[in-house]
């Protein structure tokens, strides 16, 4: 089987915390004959997966190395601090980075917030992953500041989280190799941007035959010919006398 004979498919990479379910559902409704395969990757390895052809497009966290890649920012996430449920911070609705100054704040190697200066006191050693850092928070070693979706992803019954008002936000973007902007990539761009099925770059409905236009307002209906009756109230042929005609007087019998 040659490349041109192969059935089309679409591979979408996504990083932890990002949930592409809604967009995948819309894809399956609009392009049921083109299977979409999800490829989970870490935030750090996502750019190379795209460059090496491991996926056609990816939902990534910014900033990334944009060399040879296009990217469309989609949304920014709330940043939260993950804490034990009995921690003092759990008593308030929101904190600032300064409120965490006296706490050990873990800074995992896969951090995606891009801090210039992480808040709190540094730990003796940086955890390898966010998942490892969550375990250390549960053990009472320190706190962790992450995008809210990652706090939800690693939810534990003994932990909770609160928004950090002045922390940097994690931005999620759709990225793909800039030289591989295929029709299928354009379809997915249209989906994540909320385009309708009949929009310019989305799947198109069949065109009308040339010279034939749809009747939208009844303009194609024939206009009544002048002088001819229309509707149900007009006189019928051969029944009665036309309106305005004079009747003759009856003759007297002799």
C-alpha atoms as a PDB file:
ATOM      1  CA  UNK A   1       0.000   0.000   0.000  1.00  0.00           C
ATOM      2  CA  UNK A   2       1.409   3.380  -0.986  1.00  0.00           C
ATOM      3  CA  UNK A   3       1.230   6.525   1.098  1.00  0.00           C
ATOM      4  CA  UNK A   4      -1.522   7.932  -1.132  1.00  0.00           C
ATOM      5  CA  UNK A   5      -3.612   4.778  -0.633  1.00  0.00           C
ATOM      6  CA  UNK A   6      -3.403   4.846   3.163  1.00  0.00           C
ATOM      7  CA  UNK A   7      -6.503   5.902   5.075  1.00  0.00           C
ATOM      8  CA  UNK A   8      -6.167   9.361   6.661  1.00  0.00           C
ATOM      9  CA  UNK A   9      -5.686   9.638  10.409  1.00  0.00           C
ATOM     10  CA  UNK A  10      -4.770  12.357  12.898  1.00  0.00           C
ATOM     11  CA  UNK A  11      -2.453  12.087  15.923  1.00  0.00           C
ATOM     12  CA  UNK A  12      -2.897  14.621  18.702  1.00  0.00           C
ATOM     13  CA  UNK A  13      -0.291  14.922  21.459  1.00  0.00           C
ATOM     14  CA  UNK A  14      -1.303  16.411  24.803  1.00  0.00           C
ATOM     15  CA  UNK A  15       0.489  17.226  28.037  1.00  0.00           C
ATOM     16  CA  UNK A  16      -0.626  16.262  31.581  1.00  0.00           C
ATOM     17  CA  UNK A  17      -3.503  18.314  32.921  1.00  0.00           C
ATOM     18  CA  UNK A  18      -4.902  19.214  29.503  1.00  0.00           C
ATOM     19  CA  UNK A  19      -8.197  17.482  28.689  1.00  0.00           C
ATOM     20  CA  UNK A  20      -8.929  17.345  24.942  1.00  0.00           C
ATOM     21  CA  UNK A  21     -12.137  15.283  25.313  1.00  0.00           C
ATOM     22  CA  UNK A  22     -14.520  18.012  24.093  1.00  0.00           C
ATOM     23  CA  UNK A  23     -12.487  18.711  20.960  1.00  0.00           C
ATOM     24  CA  UNK A  24     -12.053  14.993  20.239  1.00  0.00           C
ATOM     25  CA  UNK A  25     -15.829  14.515  20.449  1.00  0.00           C
ATOM     26  CA  UNK A  26     -16.431  17.332  17.951  1.00  0.00           C
ATOM     27  CA  UNK A  27     -13.760  15.861  15.637  1.00  0.00           C
ATOM     28  CA  UNK A  28     -15.470  12.454  15.714  1.00  0.00           C
ATOM     29  CA  UNK A  29     -18.813  14.068  14.891  1.00  0.00           C
ATOM     30  CA  UNK A  30     -17.455  16.067  11.947  1.00  0.00           C
ATOM     31  CA  UNK A  31     -14.888  13.626  10.565  1.00  0.00           C
ATOM     32  CA  UNK A  32     -16.130  10.156  11.518  1.00  0.00           C
ATOM     33  CA  UNK A  33     -14.003   8.524   8.807  1.00  0.00           C
ATOM     34  CA  UNK A  34     -10.732  10.019  10.102  1.00  0.00           C
ATOM     35  CA  UNK A  35      -9.674   8.382  13.384  1.00  0.00           C
ATOM     36  CA  UNK A  36      -8.033  10.664  15.957  1.00  0.00           C
ATOM     37  CA  UNK A  37      -5.346   9.058  18.128  1.00  0.00           C
ATOM     38  CA  UNK A  38      -4.271  10.682  21.420  1.00  0.00           C
ATOM     39  CA  UNK A  39      -0.577  10.654  22.349  1.00  0.00           C
ATOM     40  CA  UNK A  40       0.233  11.641  25.954  1.00  0.00           C
ATOM     41  CA  UNK A  41       3.630  13.322  26.368  1.00  0.00           C
ATOM     42  CA  UNK A  42       5.381  15.296  29.070  1.00  0.00           C
ATOM     43  CA  UNK A  43       5.508  19.085  28.749  1.00  0.00           C
ATOM     44  CA  UNK A  44       9.270  18.952  28.196  1.00  0.00           C
ATOM     45  CA  UNK A  45       9.223  16.373  25.400  1.00  0.00           C
ATOM     46  CA  UNK A  46       6.178  17.721  23.507  1.00  0.00           C
ATOM     47  CA  UNK A  47       8.121  20.017  21.092  1.00  0.00           C
ATOM     48  CA  UNK A  48      10.489  17.257  19.951  1.00  0.00           C
ATOM     49  CA  UNK A  49       7.595  14.823  19.489  1.00  0.00           C
ATOM     50  CA  UNK A  50       6.040  17.319  17.070  1.00  0.00           C
ATOM     51  CA  UNK A  51       9.301  18.032  15.234  1.00  0.00           C
ATOM     52  CA  UNK A  52      10.066  14.317  14.845  1.00  0.00           C
ATOM     53  CA  UNK A  53       6.643  13.492  13.406  1.00  0.00           C
ATOM     54  CA  UNK A  54       5.351  11.663  16.482  1.00  0.00           C
ATOM     55  CA  UNK A  55       2.122  13.662  16.261  1.00  0.00           C
ATOM     56  CA  UNK A  56       0.406  15.914  13.735  1.00  0.00           C
ATOM     57  CA  UNK A  57      -0.382  18.566  16.367  1.00  0.00           C
ATOM     58  CA  UNK A  58      -0.184  18.924  20.120  1.00  0.00           C
ATOM     59  CA  UNK A  59      -1.762  20.672  23.091  1.00  0.00           C
ATOM     60  CA  UNK A  60       1.301  22.058  24.871  1.00  0.00           C
ATOM     61  CA  UNK A  61       2.220  24.425  27.691  1.00  0.00           C
ATOM     62  CA  UNK A  62       3.918  27.708  26.839  1.00  0.00           C
ATOM     63  CA  UNK A  63       6.626  28.790  26.681  1.00  0.00           C
ATOM     64  CA  UNK A  64       8.178  26.246  24.324  1.00  0.00           C
ATOM     65  CA  UNK A  65      11.039  26.377  21.858  1.00  0.00           C
ATOM     66  CA  UNK A  66       9.185  27.682  18.770  1.00  0.00           C
ATOM     67  CA  UNK A  67      11.895  26.641  16.295  1.00  0.00           C
ATOM     68  CA  UNK A  68      10.068  25.148  13.273  1.00  0.00           C
ATOM     69  CA  UNK A  69       6.792  25.135  15.220  1.00  0.00           C
ATOM     70  CA  UNK A  70       3.620  27.197  14.931  1.00  0.00           C
ATOM     71  CA  UNK A  71       1.485  27.786  18.028  1.00  0.00           C
ATOM     72  CA  UNK A  72      -1.918  29.281  18.806  1.00  0.00           C
ATOM     73  CA  UNK A  73      -2.479  30.224  22.480  1.00  0.00           C
ATOM     74  CA  UNK A  74      -5.819  28.846  23.684  1.00  0.00           C
ATOM     75  CA  UNK A  75      -6.242  29.762  27.356  1.00  0.00           C
ATOM     76  CA  UNK A  76      -4.401  30.532  30.608  1.00  0.00           C
ATOM     77  CA  UNK A  77      -4.871  28.535  33.795  1.00  0.00           C
ATOM     78  CA  UNK A  78      -5.297  29.652  37.382  1.00  0.00           C
ATOM     79  CA  UNK A  79      -2.195  28.908  39.478  1.00  0.00           C
ATOM     80  CA  UNK A  80      -2.763  27.256  42.876  1.00  0.00           C
ATOM     81  CA  UNK A  81      -0.747  26.103  45.866  1.00  0.00           C
ATOM     82  CA  UNK A  82      -1.257  22.474  46.907  1.00  0.00           C
ATOM     83  CA  UNK A  83      -1.343  22.066  50.702  1.00  0.00           C
ATOM     84  CA  UNK A  84      -2.314  19.538  53.365  1.00  0.00           C
ATOM     85  CA  UNK A  85      -5.913  20.010  54.482  1.00  0.00           C
ATOM     86  CA  UNK A  86      -4.791  20.953  58.004  1.00  0.00           C
ATOM     87  CA  UNK A  87      -2.372  23.668  56.810  1.00  0.00           C
ATOM     88  CA  UNK A  88      -3.046  27.270  57.881  1.00  0.00           C
ATOM     89  CA  UNK A  89      -3.441  28.366  54.238  1.00  0.00           C
ATOM     90  CA  UNK A  90      -6.500  26.108  53.939  1.00  0.00           C
ATOM     91  CA  UNK A  91      -8.403  28.614  56.116  1.00  0.00           C
ATOM     92  CA  UNK A  92      -8.288  31.368  53.468  1.00  0.00           C
ATOM     93  CA  UNK A  93      -9.739  31.639  49.957  1.00  0.00           C
ATOM     94  CA  UNK A  94      -6.647  33.044  48.215  1.00  0.00           C
ATOM     95  CA  UNK A  95      -2.971  33.730  48.966  1.00  0.00           C
ATOM     96  CA  UNK A  96      -0.058  35.645  47.487  1.00  0.00           C
ATOM     97  CA  UNK A  97       3.493  34.444  46.894  1.00  0.00           C
ATOM     98  CA  UNK A  98       4.595  36.460  49.927  1.00  0.00           C
ATOM     99  CA  UNK A  99       2.191  34.495  52.130  1.00  0.00           C
ATOM    100  CA  UNK A 100       4.291  31.405  51.353  1.00  0.00           C
ATOM    101  CA  UNK A 101       7.618  33.030  52.307  1.00  0.00           C
ATOM    102  CA  UNK A 102       8.102  30.962  55.471  1.00  0.00           C
ATOM    103  CA  UNK A 103       7.119  27.620  53.916  1.00  0.00           C
ATOM    104  CA  UNK A 104       9.253  25.186  51.936  1.00  0.00           C
ATOM    105  CA  UNK A 105       7.884  25.338  48.389  1.00  0.00           C
ATOM    106  CA  UNK A 106       8.850  22.433  46.150  1.00  0.00           C
ATOM    107  CA  UNK A 107      10.074  23.231  42.643  1.00  0.00           C
ATOM    108  CA  UNK A 108       9.986  20.051  40.508  1.00  0.00           C
ATOM    109  CA  UNK A 109      12.206  19.664  37.471  1.00  0.00           C
ATOM    110  CA  UNK A 110       9.143  19.484  35.199  1.00  0.00           C
ATOM    111  CA  UNK A 111       7.759  22.802  36.476  1.00  0.00           C
ATOM    112  CA  UNK A 112       5.837  24.662  33.739  1.00  0.00           C
ATOM    113  CA  UNK A 113       5.311  28.071  35.374  1.00  0.00           C
ATOM    114  CA  UNK A 114       8.671  29.575  34.419  1.00  0.00           C
ATOM    115  CA  UNK A 115       9.365  31.330  37.709  1.00  0.00           C
ATOM    116  CA  UNK A 116      11.988  34.057  37.742  1.00  0.00           C
ATOM    117  CA  UNK A 117      12.202  33.482  41.465  1.00  0.00           C
ATOM    118  CA  UNK A 118      10.111  30.661  43.013  1.00  0.00           C
ATOM    119  CA  UNK A 119       8.296  31.639  46.232  1.00  0.00           C
ATOM    120  CA  UNK A 120       9.000  30.251  49.692  1.00  0.00           C
ATOM    121  CA  UNK A 121      12.061  28.489  51.029  1.00  0.00           C
ATOM    122  CA  UNK A 122      13.880  26.080  48.672  1.00  0.00           C
ATOM    123  CA  UNK A 123      13.905  22.372  49.424  1.00  0.00           C
ATOM    124  CA  UNK A 124      17.206  20.537  49.835  1.00  0.00           C
ATOM    125  CA  UNK A 125      16.560  18.736  46.580  1.00  0.00           C
ATOM    126  CA  UNK A 126      14.244  19.374  43.636  1.00  0.00           C
ATOM    127  CA  UNK A 127      11.727  16.556  42.955  1.00  0.00           C
ATOM    128  CA  UNK A 128      12.013  14.973  39.524  1.00  0.00           C
ATOM    129  CA  UNK A 129       8.322  15.304  38.657  1.00  0.00           C
ATOM    130  CA  UNK A 130       5.141  17.004  39.781  1.00  0.00           C
ATOM    131  CA  UNK A 131       3.794  13.605  40.850  1.00  0.00           C
ATOM    132  CA  UNK A 132       6.815  13.143  43.139  1.00  0.00           C
ATOM    133  CA  UNK A 133       6.283  16.615  44.573  1.00  0.00           C
ATOM    134  CA  UNK A 134       2.648  15.816  45.375  1.00  0.00           C
ATOM    135  CA  UNK A 135       3.800  12.838  47.432  1.00  0.00           C
ATOM    136  CA  UNK A 136       6.180  15.079  49.357  1.00  0.00           C
ATOM    137  CA  UNK A 137       3.379  17.561  50.088  1.00  0.00           C
ATOM    138  CA  UNK A 138       1.292  14.691  51.464  1.00  0.00           C
ATOM    139  CA  UNK A 139       4.253  13.692  53.662  1.00  0.00           C
ATOM    140  CA  UNK A 140       4.454  17.207  55.086  1.00  0.00           C
ATOM    141  CA  UNK A 141       7.793  18.055  53.445  1.00  0.00           C
ATOM    142  CA  UNK A 142       6.625  21.233  51.727  1.00  0.00           C
ATOM    143  CA  UNK A 143       4.042  22.941  49.489  1.00  0.00           C
ATOM    144  CA  UNK A 144       3.698  22.947  45.706  1.00  0.00           C
ATOM    145  CA  UNK A 145       2.582  25.676  43.297  1.00  0.00           C
ATOM    146  CA  UNK A 146       1.165  24.356  40.000  1.00  0.00           C
ATOM    147  CA  UNK A 147      -1.483  25.031  37.335  1.00  0.00           C
ATOM    148  CA  UNK A 148      -4.925  24.151  38.681  1.00  0.00           C
ATOM    149  CA  UNK A 149      -5.418  21.310  36.191  1.00  0.00           C
ATOM    150  CA  UNK A 150      -2.336  19.534  37.583  1.00  0.00           C
ATOM    151  CA  UNK A 151      -3.639  19.924  41.133  1.00  0.00           C
ATOM    152  CA  UNK A 152      -6.855  18.257  39.992  1.00  0.00           C
ATOM    153  CA  UNK A 153      -4.983  15.567  38.063  1.00  0.00           C
ATOM    154  CA  UNK A 154      -3.021  14.573  41.182  1.00  0.00           C
ATOM    155  CA  UNK A 155      -5.931  14.966  43.604  1.00  0.00           C
ATOM    156  CA  UNK A 156      -5.658  13.286  46.991  1.00  0.00           C
ATOM    157  CA  UNK A 157      -8.208  13.217  49.813  1.00  0.00           C
ATOM    158  CA  UNK A 158      -5.667  14.531  52.320  1.00  0.00           C
ATOM    159  CA  UNK A 159      -4.689  17.525  50.154  1.00  0.00           C
ATOM    160  CA  UNK A 160      -6.434  20.666  48.922  1.00  0.00           C
ATOM    161  CA  UNK A 161      -5.386  23.816  47.038  1.00  0.00           C
ATOM    162  CA  UNK A 162      -5.902  27.569  46.996  1.00  0.00           C
ATOM    163  CA  UNK A 163      -5.364  30.175  44.205  1.00  0.00           C
ATOM    164  CA  UNK A 164      -2.124  32.191  44.263  1.00  0.00           C
ATOM    165  CA  UNK A 165      -3.100  35.679  43.119  1.00  0.00           C
ATOM    166  CA  UNK A 166       0.271  36.984  41.888  1.00  0.00           C
ATOM    167  CA  UNK A 167       1.835  33.791  40.507  1.00  0.00           C
ATOM    168  CA  UNK A 168       2.655  33.376  36.808  1.00  0.00           C
ATOM    169  CA  UNK A 169       0.017  31.498  34.822  1.00  0.00           C
ATOM    170  CA  UNK A 170       0.443  28.459  32.637  1.00  0.00           C
ATOM    171  CA  UNK A 171      -0.741  29.063  29.060  1.00  0.00           C
ATOM    172  CA  UNK A 172      -1.985  26.173  26.946  1.00  0.00           C
ATOM    173  CA  UNK A 173      -1.531  26.325  23.173  1.00  0.00           C
ATOM    174  CA  UNK A 174      -2.126  24.239  20.070  1.00  0.00           C
ATOM    175  CA  UNK A 175       1.175  23.660  18.268  1.00  0.00           C
ATOM    176  CA  UNK A 176       2.231  21.870  15.078  1.00  0.00           C
ATOM    177  CA  UNK A 177       5.210  21.778  12.666  1.00  0.00           C
ATOM    178  CA  UNK A 178       4.998  25.005  10.666  1.00  0.00           C
ATOM    179  CA  UNK A 179       5.787  23.223   7.382  1.00  0.00           C
ATOM    180  CA  UNK A 180       3.037  20.646   7.999  1.00  0.00           C
ATOM    181  CA  UNK A 181      -0.101  22.775   8.126  1.00  0.00           C
ATOM    182  CA  UNK A 182      -2.253  20.103   6.485  1.00  0.00           C
ATOM    183  CA  UNK A 183      -5.997  20.164   5.846  1.00  0.00           C
ATOM    184  CA  UNK A 184      -6.495  17.986   8.928  1.00  0.00           C
ATOM    185  CA  UNK A 185      -4.484  20.414  11.059  1.00  0.00           C
ATOM    186  CA  UNK A 186      -6.662  23.226   9.711  1.00  0.00           C
ATOM    187  CA  UNK A 187      -9.752  21.214  10.658  1.00  0.00           C
ATOM    188  CA  UNK A 188      -8.511  20.857  14.235  1.00  0.00           C
ATOM    189  CA  UNK A 189      -7.581  24.548  14.429  1.00  0.00           C
ATOM    190  CA  UNK A 190     -11.158  25.337  13.429  1.00  0.00           C
ATOM    191  CA  UNK A 191     -12.504  23.062  16.166  1.00  0.00           C
ATOM    192  CA  UNK A 192     -10.427  24.514  19.012  1.00  0.00           C
ATOM    193  CA  UNK A 193     -11.260  28.043  17.835  1.00  0.00           C
ATOM    194  CA  UNK A 194     -14.962  27.276  17.889  1.00  0.00           C
ATOM    195  CA  UNK A 195     -15.633  27.534  14.182  1.00  0.00           C
ATOM    196  CA  UNK A 196     -18.878  26.048  12.965  1.00  0.00           C
ATOM    197  CA  UNK A 197     -19.039  23.144  10.551  1.00  0.00           C
ATOM    198  CA  UNK A 198     -19.815  25.554   7.664  1.00  0.00           C
ATOM    199  CA  UNK A 199     -17.048  28.059   8.402  1.00  0.00           C
ATOM    200  CA  UNK A 200     -14.350  28.856   5.850  1.00  0.00           C
ATOM    201  CA  UNK A 201     -11.709  26.423   7.100  1.00  0.00           C
ATOM    202  CA  UNK A 202     -14.075  23.841   8.502  1.00  0.00           C
ATOM    203  CA  UNK A 203     -15.734  20.961   6.623  1.00  0.00           C
ATOM    204  CA  UNK A 204     -17.970  22.368   3.924  1.00  0.00           C
ATOM    205  CA  UNK A 205     -21.512  21.424   2.996  1.00  0.00           C
ATOM    206  CA  UNK A 206     -22.130  20.385  -0.642  1.00  0.00           C
ATOM    207  CA  UNK A 207     -22.326  23.368  -2.991  1.00  0.00           C
ATOM    208  CA  UNK A 208     -25.532  24.194  -4.846  1.00  0.00           C
ATOM    209  CA  UNK A 209     -25.570  23.270  -8.577  1.00  0.00           C
ATOM    210  CA  UNK A 210     -24.377  26.135 -10.770  1.00  0.00           C
ATOM    211  CA  UNK A 211     -27.154  28.494 -11.738  1.00  0.00           C
ATOM    212  CA  UNK A 212     -29.528  27.225  -9.053  1.00  0.00           C
ATOM    213  CA  UNK A 213     -29.917  29.185  -5.878  1.00  0.00           C
ATOM    214  CA  UNK A 214     -31.827  28.136  -2.783  1.00  0.00           C
ATOM    215  CA  UNK A 215     -35.238  29.747  -2.275  1.00  0.00           C
ATOM    216  CA  UNK A 216     -34.761  31.566   1.038  1.00  0.00           C
ATOM    217  CA  UNK A 217     -37.560  34.112   0.992  1.00  0.00           C
ATOM    218  CA  UNK A 218     -40.147  32.879  -1.473  1.00  0.00           C
ATOM    219  CA  UNK A 219     -38.738  35.110  -4.201  1.00  0.00           C
ATOM    220  CA  UNK A 220     -38.829  32.232  -6.704  1.00  0.00           C
ATOM    221  CA  UNK A 221     -42.595  31.884  -6.459  1.00  0.00           C
ATOM    222  CA  UNK A 222     -44.547  33.087  -9.475  1.00  0.00           C
ATOM    223  CA  UNK A 223     -46.153  36.490  -9.139  1.00  0.00           C
ATOM    224  CA  UNK A 224     -49.876  36.628  -9.926  1.00  0.00           C
ATOM    225  CA  UNK A 225     -50.710  37.772 -13.448  1.00  0.00           C
ATOM    226  CA  UNK A 226     -52.497  41.108 -13.550  1.00  0.00           C
ATOM    227  CA  UNK A 227     -56.239  40.765 -13.902  1.00  0.00           C
ATOM    228  CA  UNK A 228     -56.416  37.150 -12.761  1.00  0.00           C
ATOM    229  CA  UNK A 229     -57.964  36.283  -9.390  1.00  0.00           C
ATOM    230  CA  UNK A 230     -55.766  34.860  -6.631  1.00  0.00           C
ATOM    231  CA  UNK A 231     -56.549  33.071  -3.391  1.00  0.00           C
ATOM    232  CA  UNK A 232     -59.588  31.114  -2.407  1.00  0.00           C
ATOM    233  CA  UNK A 233     -61.976  34.023  -2.291  1.00  0.00           C
ATOM    234  CA  UNK A 234     -62.156  34.647  -6.070  1.00  0.00           C
ATOM    235  CA  UNK A 235     -65.186  33.629  -8.170  1.00  0.00           C
ATOM    236  CA  UNK A 236     -65.194  30.283  -9.858  1.00  0.00           C
ATOM    237  CA  UNK A 237     -65.525  29.947 -13.608  1.00  0.00           C
ATOM    238  CA  UNK A 238     -69.122  29.632 -14.693  1.00  0.00           C
ATOM    239  CA  UNK A 239     -70.631  30.105 -11.234  1.00  0.00           C
ATOM    240  CA  UNK A 240     -72.664  33.236 -10.595  1.00  0.00           C
ATOM    241  CA  UNK A 241     -72.417  36.695 -12.024  1.00  0.00           C
ATOM    242  CA  UNK A 242     -69.244  38.725 -11.983  1.00  0.00           C
ATOM    243  CA  UNK A 243     -69.132  41.509  -9.442  1.00  0.00           C
ATOM    244  CA  UNK A 244     -70.480  44.774 -10.817  1.00  0.00           C
ATOM    245  CA  UNK A 245     -72.485  43.226 -13.706  1.00  0.00           C
ATOM    246  CA  UNK A 246     -76.130  44.487 -14.195  1.00  0.00           C
ATOM    247  CA  UNK A 247     -79.003  42.071 -13.858  1.00  0.00           C
ATOM    248  CA  UNK A 248     -81.967  42.320 -16.342  1.00  0.00           C
ATOM    249  CA  UNK A 249     -85.556  42.966 -15.086  1.00  0.00           C
ATOM    250  CA  UNK A 250     -87.887  39.936 -15.179  1.00  0.00           C
ATOM    251  CA  UNK A 251     -90.477  40.030 -17.984  1.00  0.00           C
ATOM    252  CA  UNK A 252     -94.190  40.275 -17.119  1.00  0.00           C
ATOM    253  CA  UNK A 253     -96.466  37.553 -18.286  1.00  0.00           C
ATOM    254  CA  UNK A 254     -99.168  38.669 -20.666  1.00  0.00           C
END
